[in-house]
Amino acid sequence: MNLIHKLRGKYDESYRILHGWGLSPIRNNRELKALIEFCYKELERDKETRLYPKRKEIFLVTIDLYNTDSMHLNGYINDNIDWYWN
């Protein structure tokens, strides 16, 4: 693992989210976009999403709420925060 990867993993919350290394409350738009990209990437992993249908549903709802500019997105993310871990 190179140094830049380690530093970004330690200090860049968006990078951590994108790679599924945990999620804390979303603080800015960059972190939110990283979460949405993470959801899309996880949905592409068909085998794992078939094993965890609840997780798949959470990813789909998260993306849908984001795409519709729903005011409930942050609350939904916070209510389901444990499901976003990779």
Protein backbone atom coordinates (compact mmCIF):
# COMPACT_ATOMS: atom_id res chain seq x y z
CA MET A 1 0.00 0.00 0.00
CA ASN A 2 1.52 3.29 -1.00
CA LEU A 3 1.86 6.33 1.21
CA ILE A 4 -0.73 8.43 -0.59
CA HIS A 5 -3.32 5.67 -0.20
CA LYS A 6 -2.59 5.45 3.53
CA LEU A 7 -2.75 9.21 4.04
CA ARG A 8 -5.98 9.60 2.10
CA GLY A 9 -7.47 6.69 4.04
CA LYS A 10 -6.63 8.41 7.28
CA TYR A 11 -7.55 12.03 6.53
CA ASP A 12 -9.92 12.12 3.54
CA GLU A 13 -13.42 11.15 4.65
CA SER A 14 -14.74 11.01 1.07
CA TYR A 15 -11.99 8.56 0.15
CA ARG A 16 -12.87 6.39 3.15
CA ILE A 17 -16.56 6.40 2.25
CA LEU A 18 -15.88 5.57 -1.39
CA HIS A 19 -13.85 2.53 -0.39
CA GLY A 20 -16.36 1.35 2.21
CA TRP A 21 -14.11 1.92 5.20
CA GLY A 22 -16.85 3.31 7.36
CA LEU A 23 -19.27 6.13 7.39
CA SER A 24 -19.79 8.97 9.78
CA PRO A 25 -22.54 11.57 9.47
CA ILE A 26 -22.33 13.25 6.06
CA ARG A 27 -20.89 16.74 6.47
CA ASN A 28 -20.64 18.04 2.91
CA ASN A 29 -21.64 17.41 -0.69
CA ARG A 30 -18.32 15.74 -1.56
CA GLU A 31 -18.88 13.08 1.11
CA LEU A 32 -22.46 12.59 -0.07
CA LYS A 33 -21.32 12.07 -3.67
CA ALA A 34 -18.74 9.54 -2.45
CA LEU A 35 -21.49 7.63 -0.63
CA ILE A 36 -23.67 7.59 -3.75
CA GLU A 37 -20.76 6.35 -5.85
CA PHE A 38 -20.08 3.67 -3.23
CA CYS A 39 -23.73 2.56 -3.40
CA TYR A 40 -23.55 2.26 -7.19
CA LYS A 41 -20.31 0.25 -6.97
CA GLU A 42 -21.77 -2.11 -4.38
CA LEU A 43 -24.90 -2.68 -6.47
CA GLU A 44 -22.68 -3.83 -9.33
CA ARG A 45 -21.48 -6.69 -7.13
CA ASP A 46 -24.44 -8.93 -7.98
CA LYS A 47 -23.40 -11.95 -5.90
CA GLU A 48 -23.09 -9.99 -2.67
CA THR A 49 -26.29 -8.02 -3.21
CA ARG A 50 -28.26 -11.25 -3.69
CA LEU A 51 -26.96 -12.48 -0.33
CA TYR A 52 -27.97 -9.27 1.47
CA PRO A 53 -31.27 -8.03 0.01
CA LYS A 54 -31.78 -5.53 2.87
CA ARG A 55 -28.44 -3.92 2.09
CA LYS A 56 -29.33 -3.75 -1.61
CA GLU A 57 -32.63 -2.09 -0.74
CA ILE A 58 -30.86 0.51 1.41
CA PHE A 59 -28.44 1.33 -1.40
CA LEU A 60 -31.30 1.67 -3.90
CA VAL A 61 -33.35 3.91 -1.59
CA THR A 62 -30.28 6.05 -0.84
CA ILE A 63 -29.67 6.58 -4.55
CA ASP A 64 -33.35 7.29 -5.19
CA LEU A 65 -33.53 9.85 -2.39
CA TYR A 66 -30.37 11.51 -3.72
CA ASN A 67 -31.68 11.63 -7.30
CA THR A 68 -35.00 13.16 -6.20
CA ASP A 69 -33.32 15.75 -3.96
CA SER A 70 -35.31 14.47 -1.01
CA MET A 71 -35.07 16.35 2.26
CA HIS A 72 -35.17 12.97 4.02
CA LEU A 73 -31.85 11.74 2.62
CA ASN A 74 -29.65 12.69 5.58
CA GLY A 75 -32.10 11.20 8.06
CA TYR A 76 -32.29 7.98 6.04
CA ILE A 77 -28.50 7.72 5.89
CA ASN A 78 -28.18 8.31 9.62
CA ASP A 79 -30.91 5.76 10.39
CA ASN A 80 -29.15 3.09 8.30
CA ILE A 81 -25.53 4.07 8.83
CA ASP A 82 -24.40 0.57 9.84
CA TRP A 83 -25.44 -0.91 6.48
CA TYR A 84 -22.93 1.16 4.48
CA TRP A 85 -19.84 -0.61 5.81
CA ASN A 86 -18.06 -2.72 3.24
